[in-house]
Amino acid sequence: MLMRKILDREDPILRQKAVPVPLADIAGHNVQTIIREMIDAMSLQKDGVAIAAPQIGVSSQIFVVSGSLLKQADASYKGEPTELVFINPEIIKMSKEKKSVEEGCLSVRWFYGKVRRSVRVTLRAYNEKGQRIERGASGLLAQIFQHEVDHLNGILFTDKAKEVWQMTTEEIEELQRK
């Protein structure tokens, strides 16, 4: 099987609004293959906690969060250490309280910036089995939900970020050694 690569910020698909997945297609081979390819591509990145379908060249409203990396990165996360799949997600509630948080992206490699995000959000979506789910989140998971929904709307974090900087070669090498 050919491994899909993560697209760079210059790729035009990252600037397009992703297409909703027909509910009847969720259990089908194509959508399940896309989900698997997203998980595989993300798992090769030591620092990747989430990925959206457009990042692997698929214009579908799907994103995946790595439960195990989320658990490592956020001690307050009490969910399962397995991948969380969100299809046709929509943020239905956002707290008025916002916080400036550091963000990076697998498609905008080695750049980071401060983005103002709601501290709490509620997301409605379908899971990989086609079941409707609604999930509240705070902290890092709320930030991830907002970042990934932005991806599905053709928005990169650098469009919203203040103080964007690039990691040094030494910092990149250190991260890759971990």
N, C-alpha and C. Protein backbone atom coordinates (compact mmCIF):
# COMPACT_ATOMS: atom_id res chain seq x y z
N MET A 1 0.84 -1.19 0.00
CA MET A 1 0.00 0.00 0.00
C MET A 1 0.88 1.25 0.00
N LEU A 2 0.54 2.21 -0.80
CA LEU A 2 1.28 3.45 -0.88
C LEU A 2 0.93 4.34 0.31
N MET A 3 1.96 4.80 1.01
CA MET A 3 1.76 5.67 2.15
C MET A 3 1.50 7.10 1.67
N ARG A 4 0.44 7.70 2.15
CA ARG A 4 0.17 9.08 1.77
C ARG A 4 1.08 10.01 2.56
N LYS A 5 1.57 11.02 1.88
CA LYS A 5 2.41 11.96 2.59
C LYS A 5 1.57 13.14 3.07
N ILE A 6 2.07 13.80 4.08
CA ILE A 6 1.40 14.98 4.62
C ILE A 6 1.77 16.16 3.73
N LEU A 7 0.76 16.84 3.25
CA LEU A 7 0.97 17.96 2.33
C LEU A 7 1.53 19.18 3.03
N ASP A 8 2.31 19.93 2.28
CA ASP A 8 2.91 21.16 2.75
C ASP A 8 1.92 22.32 2.60
N ARG A 9 2.12 23.35 3.38
CA ARG A 9 1.21 24.52 3.42
C ARG A 9 0.96 25.16 2.07
N GLU A 10 1.84 24.92 1.10
CA GLU A 10 1.67 25.52 -0.24
C GLU A 10 0.62 24.79 -1.08
N ASP A 11 0.21 23.59 -0.68
CA ASP A 11 -0.71 22.81 -1.49
C ASP A 11 -2.10 23.46 -1.49
N PRO A 12 -2.68 23.69 -2.68
CA PRO A 12 -3.98 24.38 -2.77
C PRO A 12 -5.14 23.66 -2.06
N ILE A 13 -5.09 22.35 -1.90
CA ILE A 13 -6.20 21.64 -1.24
C ILE A 13 -6.36 22.10 0.21
N LEU A 14 -5.27 22.56 0.81
CA LEU A 14 -5.32 23.02 2.20
C LEU A 14 -6.07 24.34 2.34
N ARG A 15 -6.34 25.01 1.22
CA ARG A 15 -7.06 26.29 1.23
C ARG A 15 -8.51 26.14 0.79
N GLN A 16 -8.94 24.90 0.55
CA GLN A 16 -10.31 24.68 0.11
C GLN A 16 -11.17 24.18 1.28
N LYS A 17 -12.45 24.48 1.21
CA LYS A 17 -13.38 23.94 2.19
C LYS A 17 -13.60 22.46 1.84
N ALA A 18 -13.37 21.60 2.82
CA ALA A 18 -13.52 20.16 2.58
C ALA A 18 -14.99 19.79 2.39
N VAL A 19 -15.21 18.72 1.66
CA VAL A 19 -16.55 18.26 1.30
C VAL A 19 -17.11 17.35 2.40
N PRO A 20 -18.38 17.54 2.79
CA PRO A 20 -18.98 16.64 3.78
C PRO A 20 -19.00 15.20 3.27
N VAL A 21 -18.89 14.26 4.18
CA VAL A 21 -18.93 12.84 3.84
C VAL A 21 -20.38 12.39 3.90
N PRO A 22 -20.93 11.81 2.82
CA PRO A 22 -22.30 11.29 2.90
C PRO A 22 -22.38 10.21 3.99
N LEU A 23 -23.40 10.28 4.82
CA LEU A 23 -23.51 9.34 5.95
C LEU A 23 -23.50 7.89 5.49
N ALA A 24 -24.10 7.62 4.35
CA ALA A 24 -24.14 6.24 3.84
C ALA A 24 -22.75 5.73 3.47
N ASP A 25 -21.78 6.64 3.28
CA ASP A 25 -20.43 6.24 2.87
C ASP A 25 -19.49 5.97 4.05
N ILE A 26 -19.87 6.38 5.25
CA ILE A 26 -18.94 6.29 6.38
C ILE A 26 -18.43 4.87 6.60
N ALA A 27 -19.30 3.89 6.56
CA ALA A 27 -18.88 2.49 6.80
C ALA A 27 -18.20 1.86 5.59
N GLY A 28 -18.22 2.55 4.47
CA GLY A 28 -17.67 1.98 3.24
C GLY A 28 -16.15 1.94 3.21
N HIS A 29 -15.65 1.16 2.29
CA HIS A 29 -14.22 0.92 2.16
C HIS A 29 -13.42 2.22 1.96
N ASN A 30 -13.90 3.12 1.11
CA ASN A 30 -13.14 4.34 0.81
C ASN A 30 -12.93 5.20 2.05
N VAL A 31 -13.98 5.47 2.80
CA VAL A 31 -13.86 6.32 3.99
C VAL A 31 -13.01 5.63 5.04
N GLN A 32 -13.20 4.34 5.23
CA GLN A 32 -12.42 3.60 6.23
C GLN A 32 -10.93 3.59 5.84
N THR A 33 -10.64 3.52 4.54
CA THR A 33 -9.26 3.56 4.06
C THR A 33 -8.65 4.94 4.32
N ILE A 34 -9.41 5.99 4.07
CA ILE A 34 -8.92 7.35 4.33
C ILE A 34 -8.57 7.50 5.80
N ILE A 35 -9.44 7.03 6.68
CA ILE A 35 -9.19 7.12 8.13
C ILE A 35 -7.90 6.38 8.48
N ARG A 36 -7.73 5.17 7.96
CA ARG A 36 -6.52 4.38 8.24
C ARG A 36 -5.28 5.11 7.73
N GLU A 37 -5.36 5.70 6.52
CA GLU A 37 -4.22 6.42 5.96
C GLU A 37 -3.88 7.66 6.78
N MET A 38 -4.90 8.32 7.31
CA MET A 38 -4.67 9.48 8.17
C MET A 38 -3.93 9.05 9.44
N ILE A 39 -4.40 7.98 10.05
CA ILE A 39 -3.79 7.48 11.28
C ILE A 39 -2.34 7.07 11.00
N ASP A 40 -2.12 6.38 9.89
CA ASP A 40 -0.76 5.95 9.54
C ASP A 40 0.17 7.14 9.32
N ALA A 41 -0.30 8.15 8.57
CA ALA A 41 0.52 9.33 8.30
C ALA A 41 0.84 10.07 9.59
N MET A 42 -0.15 10.21 10.45
CA MET A 42 0.04 10.91 11.73
C MET A 42 1.00 10.15 12.63
N SER A 43 0.89 8.83 12.64
CA SER A 43 1.70 8.02 13.55
C SER A 43 3.20 8.08 13.23
N LEU A 44 3.54 8.48 12.02
CA LEU A 44 4.95 8.61 11.66
C LEU A 44 5.56 9.91 12.18
N GLN A 45 4.73 10.78 12.71
CA GLN A 45 5.19 12.07 13.22
C GLN A 45 5.20 12.02 14.75
N LYS A 46 6.35 12.12 15.35
CA LYS A 46 6.46 12.00 16.81
C LYS A 46 5.67 13.06 17.55
N ASP A 47 5.48 14.22 16.92
CA ASP A 47 4.81 15.33 17.60
C ASP A 47 3.41 15.60 17.06
N GLY A 48 2.86 14.70 16.25
CA GLY A 48 1.53 14.93 15.66
C GLY A 48 0.42 14.38 16.53
N VAL A 49 -0.44 15.26 17.05
CA VAL A 49 -1.55 14.80 17.88
C VAL A 49 -2.86 14.71 17.10
N ALA A 50 -2.91 15.32 15.91
CA ALA A 50 -4.15 15.27 15.13
C ALA A 50 -3.82 15.56 13.67
N ILE A 51 -4.75 15.14 12.80
CA ILE A 51 -4.58 15.37 11.37
C ILE A 51 -5.96 15.44 10.72
N ALA A 52 -6.07 16.31 9.72
CA ALA A 52 -7.31 16.45 8.95
C ALA A 52 -7.11 15.83 7.57
N ALA A 53 -8.18 15.31 6.99
CA ALA A 53 -8.09 14.64 5.69
C ALA A 53 -7.42 15.50 4.60
N PRO A 54 -7.70 16.81 4.51
CA PRO A 54 -7.03 17.59 3.47
C PRO A 54 -5.50 17.55 3.59
N GLN A 55 -4.98 17.29 4.77
CA GLN A 55 -3.53 17.24 4.96
C GLN A 55 -2.89 16.05 4.26
N ILE A 56 -3.70 15.04 3.91
CA ILE A 56 -3.17 13.92 3.11
C ILE A 56 -3.74 13.95 1.69
N GLY A 57 -4.30 15.10 1.32
CA GLY A 57 -4.75 15.28 -0.06
C GLY A 57 -6.17 14.84 -0.34
N VAL A 58 -6.99 14.67 0.71
CA VAL A 58 -8.37 14.23 0.54
C VAL A 58 -9.31 15.33 1.03
N SER A 59 -10.14 15.84 0.13
CA SER A 59 -11.06 16.92 0.50
C SER A 59 -12.33 16.35 1.12
N SER A 60 -12.19 15.80 2.32
CA SER A 60 -13.33 15.25 3.07
C SER A 60 -13.30 15.80 4.48
N GLN A 61 -14.49 16.02 5.03
CA GLN A 61 -14.59 16.56 6.39
C GLN A 61 -14.37 15.45 7.43
N ILE A 62 -13.09 15.13 7.62
CA ILE A 62 -12.71 14.10 8.59
C ILE A 62 -11.45 14.61 9.30
N PHE A 63 -11.41 14.43 10.62
CA PHE A 63 -10.14 14.58 11.31
C PHE A 63 -10.00 13.52 12.37
N VAL A 64 -8.75 13.23 12.72
CA VAL A 64 -8.42 12.18 13.67
C VAL A 64 -7.51 12.78 14.74
N VAL A 65 -7.76 12.38 16.00
CA VAL A 65 -6.92 12.81 17.12
C VAL A 65 -6.27 11.56 17.71
N SER A 66 -4.98 11.63 17.97
CA SER A 66 -4.26 10.52 18.61
C SER A 66 -4.54 10.55 20.10
N GLY A 67 -5.31 9.59 20.58
CA GLY A 67 -5.63 9.53 22.01
C GLY A 67 -4.40 9.31 22.86
N SER A 68 -3.44 8.51 22.39
CA SER A 68 -2.25 8.24 23.19
C SER A 68 -1.36 9.47 23.32
N LEU A 69 -1.17 10.21 22.22
CA LEU A 69 -0.36 11.42 22.31
C LEU A 69 -1.07 12.51 23.09
N LEU A 70 -2.38 12.57 22.96
CA LEU A 70 -3.15 13.55 23.72
C LEU A 70 -3.00 13.28 25.21
N LYS A 71 -3.06 12.02 25.59
CA LYS A 71 -2.90 11.62 26.99
C LYS A 71 -1.51 12.02 27.51
N GLN A 72 -0.48 11.85 26.68
CA GLN A 72 0.88 12.26 27.08
C GLN A 72 1.00 13.76 27.22
N ALA A 73 0.39 14.49 26.29
CA ALA A 73 0.54 15.94 26.25
C ALA A 73 -0.34 16.67 27.26
N ASP A 74 -1.42 16.05 27.69
CA ASP A 74 -2.38 16.71 28.57
C ASP A 74 -2.78 15.76 29.69
N ALA A 75 -2.21 15.96 30.87
CA ALA A 75 -2.47 15.08 32.01
C ALA A 75 -3.94 15.09 32.42
N SER A 76 -4.67 16.14 32.06
CA SER A 76 -6.08 16.21 32.45
C SER A 76 -6.99 15.40 31.52
N TYR A 77 -6.45 14.91 30.39
CA TYR A 77 -7.26 14.14 29.45
C TYR A 77 -7.59 12.78 30.04
N LYS A 78 -8.88 12.50 30.16
CA LYS A 78 -9.34 11.25 30.79
C LYS A 78 -9.90 10.25 29.80
N GLY A 79 -9.84 10.54 28.52
CA GLY A 79 -10.41 9.66 27.50
C GLY A 79 -9.54 8.45 27.23
N GLU A 80 -9.98 7.66 26.28
CA GLU A 80 -9.26 6.45 25.88
C GLU A 80 -7.98 6.82 25.12
N PRO A 81 -6.93 6.00 25.24
CA PRO A 81 -5.70 6.27 24.51
C PRO A 81 -5.73 5.71 23.08
N THR A 82 -6.89 5.74 22.46
CA THR A 82 -7.04 5.27 21.09
C THR A 82 -7.42 6.46 20.21
N GLU A 83 -7.30 6.27 18.89
CA GLU A 83 -7.62 7.37 17.98
C GLU A 83 -9.09 7.75 18.07
N LEU A 84 -9.33 9.04 18.02
CA LEU A 84 -10.69 9.58 18.01
C LEU A 84 -10.94 10.08 16.59
N VAL A 85 -12.04 9.64 15.99
CA VAL A 85 -12.36 10.01 14.62
C VAL A 85 -13.60 10.90 14.61
N PHE A 86 -13.51 12.00 13.88
CA PHE A 86 -14.61 12.95 13.78
C PHE A 86 -14.91 13.22 12.31
N ILE A 87 -16.14 12.90 11.90
CA ILE A 87 -16.56 13.06 10.51
C ILE A 87 -17.68 14.10 10.45
N ASN A 88 -17.57 15.02 9.50
CA ASN A 88 -18.52 16.13 9.35
C ASN A 88 -18.68 16.90 10.67
N PRO A 89 -17.55 17.27 11.29
CA PRO A 89 -17.64 17.93 12.60
C PRO A 89 -18.12 19.37 12.50
N GLU A 90 -18.81 19.78 13.54
CA GLU A 90 -19.17 21.19 13.66
C GLU A 90 -19.08 21.58 15.13
N ILE A 91 -18.49 22.73 15.36
CA ILE A 91 -18.41 23.24 16.72
C ILE A 91 -19.73 23.93 16.99
N ILE A 92 -20.44 23.44 18.01
CA ILE A 92 -21.78 23.98 18.28
C ILE A 92 -21.80 24.93 19.47
N LYS A 93 -20.74 24.91 20.27
CA LYS A 93 -20.62 25.86 21.39
C LYS A 93 -19.16 26.20 21.58
N MET A 94 -18.90 27.50 21.87
CA MET A 94 -17.54 27.95 22.17
C MET A 94 -17.63 28.88 23.38
N SER A 95 -16.73 28.71 24.31
CA SER A 95 -16.73 29.60 25.47
C SER A 95 -16.34 31.01 25.03
N LYS A 96 -16.87 31.98 25.73
CA LYS A 96 -16.47 33.36 25.46
C LYS A 96 -15.03 33.58 25.92
N GLU A 97 -14.65 32.82 26.95
CA GLU A 97 -13.28 32.93 27.46
C GLU A 97 -12.31 32.36 26.43
N LYS A 98 -11.31 33.17 26.10
CA LYS A 98 -10.30 32.76 25.13
C LYS A 98 -8.92 32.87 25.77
N LYS A 99 -8.01 32.13 25.18
CA LYS A 99 -6.65 32.11 25.69
C LYS A 99 -5.70 32.05 24.50
N SER A 100 -4.57 32.69 24.61
CA SER A 100 -3.56 32.64 23.57
C SER A 100 -2.71 31.40 23.82
N VAL A 101 -2.72 30.46 22.84
CA VAL A 101 -2.03 29.18 23.01
C VAL A 101 -1.04 28.97 21.86
N GLU A 102 0.03 28.23 22.16
CA GLU A 102 1.03 27.93 21.14
C GLU A 102 0.52 26.81 20.24
N GLU A 103 0.72 26.99 18.94
CA GLU A 103 0.28 25.98 17.98
C GLU A 103 1.33 25.77 16.91
N GLY A 104 1.31 24.53 16.40
CA GLY A 104 2.11 24.16 15.24
C GLY A 104 1.22 23.30 14.36
N CYS A 105 1.75 22.80 13.27
CA CYS A 105 0.95 22.01 12.34
C CYS A 105 1.84 21.13 11.50
N LEU A 106 1.38 19.91 11.24
CA LEU A 106 2.15 18.98 10.42
C LEU A 106 2.29 19.46 8.97
N SER A 107 1.42 20.36 8.54
CA SER A 107 1.52 20.90 7.18
C SER A 107 2.26 22.24 7.13
N VAL A 108 2.59 22.77 8.27
CA VAL A 108 3.35 24.03 8.35
C VAL A 108 4.55 23.72 9.25
N ARG A 109 5.35 22.76 8.79
CA ARG A 109 6.40 22.18 9.60
C ARG A 109 7.38 23.20 10.15
N TRP A 110 7.62 23.01 11.45
CA TRP A 110 8.64 23.71 12.23
C TRP A 110 8.33 25.18 12.46
N PHE A 111 7.11 25.60 12.13
CA PHE A 111 6.67 26.95 12.47
C PHE A 111 5.68 26.84 13.61
N TYR A 112 5.72 27.80 14.50
CA TYR A 112 4.81 27.85 15.64
C TYR A 112 4.35 29.28 15.81
N GLY A 113 3.23 29.44 16.49
CA GLY A 113 2.72 30.78 16.74
C GLY A 113 1.68 30.75 17.84
N LYS A 114 1.31 31.92 18.30
CA LYS A 114 0.29 32.05 19.34
C LYS A 114 -1.06 32.33 18.67
N VAL A 115 -2.07 31.51 19.01
CA VAL A 115 -3.41 31.66 18.43
C VAL A 115 -4.40 31.81 19.57
N ARG A 116 -5.32 32.76 19.43
CA ARG A 116 -6.38 32.92 20.44
C ARG A 116 -7.47 31.91 20.15
N ARG A 117 -7.74 31.06 21.13
CA ARG A 117 -8.74 30.00 20.99
C ARG A 117 -9.67 30.02 22.19
N SER A 118 -10.90 29.58 21.96
CA SER A 118 -11.84 29.40 23.07
C SER A 118 -11.29 28.32 23.99
N VAL A 119 -11.47 28.51 25.28
CA VAL A 119 -10.95 27.58 26.28
C VAL A 119 -11.77 26.29 26.31
N ARG A 120 -13.07 26.39 26.01
CA ARG A 120 -13.95 25.22 25.99
C ARG A 120 -14.81 25.26 24.72
N VAL A 121 -15.03 24.09 24.16
CA VAL A 121 -15.91 23.96 22.99
C VAL A 121 -16.72 22.68 23.09
N THR A 122 -17.80 22.65 22.34
CA THR A 122 -18.56 21.41 22.17
C THR A 122 -18.61 21.13 20.68
N LEU A 123 -18.29 19.89 20.33
CA LEU A 123 -18.22 19.47 18.94
C LEU A 123 -19.27 18.40 18.69
N ARG A 124 -19.95 18.52 17.55
CA ARG A 124 -20.89 17.49 17.11
C ARG A 124 -20.35 16.91 15.81
N ALA A 125 -20.37 15.58 15.71
CA ALA A 125 -19.81 14.92 14.52
C ALA A 125 -20.36 13.50 14.46
N TYR A 126 -19.83 12.73 13.53
CA TYR A 126 -20.07 11.29 13.44
C TYR A 126 -18.75 10.60 13.68
N ASN A 127 -18.81 9.43 14.31
CA ASN A 127 -17.57 8.66 14.49
C ASN A 127 -17.37 7.73 13.30
N GLU A 128 -16.34 6.91 13.36
CA GLU A 128 -16.00 6.04 12.24
C GLU A 128 -17.04 4.95 12.00
N LYS A 129 -17.96 4.76 12.93
CA LYS A 129 -19.05 3.78 12.75
C LYS A 129 -20.33 4.45 12.25
N GLY A 130 -20.27 5.75 12.06
CA GLY A 130 -21.45 6.48 11.58
C GLY A 130 -22.41 6.89 12.69
N GLN A 131 -21.97 6.77 13.94
CA GLN A 131 -22.81 7.17 15.07
C GLN A 131 -22.61 8.66 15.35
N ARG A 132 -23.72 9.33 15.59
CA ARG A 132 -23.65 10.77 15.90
C ARG A 132 -23.10 10.91 17.31
N ILE A 133 -22.12 11.78 17.47
CA ILE A 133 -21.53 12.00 18.78
C ILE A 133 -21.47 13.50 19.07
N GLU A 134 -21.46 13.81 20.34
CA GLU A 134 -21.31 15.19 20.78
C GLU A 134 -20.31 15.14 21.92
N ARG A 135 -19.29 15.98 21.84
CA ARG A 135 -18.23 15.90 22.84
C ARG A 135 -17.81 17.29 23.26
N GLY A 136 -17.80 17.52 24.55
CA GLY A 136 -17.28 18.75 25.11
C GLY A 136 -15.78 18.59 25.31
N ALA A 137 -15.05 19.69 25.25
CA ALA A 137 -13.61 19.63 25.45
C ALA A 137 -13.11 20.93 26.04
N SER A 138 -12.03 20.81 26.77
CA SER A 138 -11.36 22.00 27.29
C SER A 138 -9.86 21.80 27.10
N GLY A 139 -9.10 22.85 27.34
CA GLY A 139 -7.65 22.74 27.25
C GLY A 139 -7.18 22.35 25.87
N LEU A 140 -6.20 21.43 25.84
CA LEU A 140 -5.57 21.03 24.58
C LEU A 140 -6.58 20.43 23.60
N LEU A 141 -7.51 19.60 24.08
CA LEU A 141 -8.47 18.98 23.16
C LEU A 141 -9.37 20.04 22.52
N ALA A 142 -9.78 21.04 23.27
CA ALA A 142 -10.58 22.14 22.70
C ALA A 142 -9.77 22.87 21.62
N GLN A 143 -8.50 23.08 21.89
CA GLN A 143 -7.61 23.73 20.93
C GLN A 143 -7.50 22.89 19.65
N ILE A 144 -7.32 21.58 19.83
CA ILE A 144 -7.22 20.68 18.67
C ILE A 144 -8.50 20.71 17.85
N PHE A 145 -9.66 20.65 18.50
CA PHE A 145 -10.93 20.69 17.77
C PHE A 145 -11.00 21.94 16.89
N GLN A 146 -10.63 23.09 17.45
CA GLN A 146 -10.71 24.34 16.70
C GLN A 146 -9.70 24.36 15.54
N HIS A 147 -8.49 23.88 15.80
CA HIS A 147 -7.45 23.83 14.78
C HIS A 147 -7.87 22.94 13.60
N GLU A 148 -8.40 21.76 13.92
CA GLU A 148 -8.77 20.80 12.86
C GLU A 148 -10.01 21.26 12.09
N VAL A 149 -10.99 21.85 12.76
CA VAL A 149 -12.15 22.38 12.05
C VAL A 149 -11.70 23.52 11.13
N ASP A 150 -10.75 24.32 11.58
CA ASP A 150 -10.19 25.35 10.70
C ASP A 150 -9.63 24.70 9.43
N HIS A 151 -8.87 23.61 9.59
CA HIS A 151 -8.32 22.90 8.42
C HIS A 151 -9.43 22.54 7.44
N LEU A 152 -10.53 22.04 7.96
CA LEU A 152 -11.63 21.61 7.10
C LEU A 152 -12.31 22.78 6.39
N ASN A 153 -12.03 23.99 6.90
CA ASN A 153 -12.56 25.20 6.28
C ASN A 153 -11.51 25.95 5.46
N GLY A 154 -10.37 25.30 5.23
CA GLY A 154 -9.32 25.90 4.40
C GLY A 154 -8.48 26.95 5.11
N ILE A 155 -8.47 26.90 6.45
CA ILE A 155 -7.74 27.88 7.25
C ILE A 155 -6.55 27.21 7.93
N LEU A 156 -5.37 27.80 7.81
CA LEU A 156 -4.19 27.32 8.52
C LEU A 156 -3.97 28.17 9.77
N PHE A 157 -3.33 27.59 10.77
CA PHE A 157 -3.14 28.33 12.02
C PHE A 157 -2.36 29.62 11.80
N THR A 158 -1.48 29.64 10.80
CA THR A 158 -0.69 30.84 10.53
C THR A 158 -1.56 32.01 10.06
N ASP A 159 -2.78 31.73 9.60
CA ASP A 159 -3.71 32.79 9.21
C ASP A 159 -4.19 33.57 10.43
N LYS A 160 -4.19 32.93 11.60
CA LYS A 160 -4.72 33.53 12.82
C LYS A 160 -3.63 33.85 13.84
N ALA A 161 -2.44 33.31 13.63
CA ALA A 161 -1.39 33.37 14.65
C ALA A 161 -0.73 34.75 14.74
N LYS A 162 -0.31 35.05 15.95
CA LYS A 162 0.54 36.20 16.24
C LYS A 162 1.90 35.63 16.60
N GLU A 163 2.93 36.42 16.45
CA GLU A 163 4.28 36.00 16.85
C GLU A 163 4.69 34.65 16.25
N VAL A 164 4.62 34.49 14.96
CA VAL A 164 5.02 33.22 14.33
C VAL A 164 6.55 33.14 14.32
N TRP A 165 7.07 31.97 14.70
CA TRP A 165 8.51 31.74 14.67
C TRP A 165 8.81 30.35 14.14
N GLN A 166 10.04 30.14 13.73
CA GLN A 166 10.47 28.85 13.20
C GLN A 166 11.47 28.23 14.17
N MET A 167 11.33 26.91 14.37
CA MET A 167 12.28 26.22 15.23
C MET A 167 13.67 26.25 14.61
N THR A 168 14.68 26.21 15.46
CA THR A 168 16.05 26.15 14.97
C THR A 168 16.38 24.72 14.54
N THR A 169 17.41 24.58 13.77
CA THR A 169 17.85 23.24 13.33
C THR A 169 18.13 22.36 14.55
N GLU A 170 18.74 22.92 15.57
CA GLU A 170 19.05 22.16 16.79
C GLU A 170 17.76 21.67 17.47
N GLU A 171 16.77 22.54 17.56
CA GLU A 171 15.50 22.15 18.19
C GLU A 171 14.80 21.04 17.41
N ILE A 172 14.84 21.13 16.10
CA ILE A 172 14.23 20.11 15.24
C ILE A 172 14.94 18.77 15.43
N GLU A 173 16.27 18.81 15.41
CA GLU A 173 17.04 17.57 15.60
C GLU A 173 16.76 16.94 16.96
N GLU A 174 16.66 17.76 17.99
CA GLU A 174 16.36 17.27 19.34
C GLU A 174 14.99 16.59 19.37
N LEU A 175 14.01 17.21 18.76
CA LEU A 175 12.66 16.64 18.72
C LEU A 175 12.66 15.30 17.97
N GLN A 176 13.39 15.23 16.90
CA GLN A 176 13.43 14.01 16.09
C GLN A 176 14.18 12.87 16.78
N ARG A 177 15.05 13.19 17.71
CA ARG A 177 15.78 12.16 18.46
C ARG A 177 14.90 11.53 19.54
N LYS A 178 13.89 12.25 20.00
CA LYS A 178 13.04 11.75 21.10
C LYS A 178 12.28 10.52 20.71
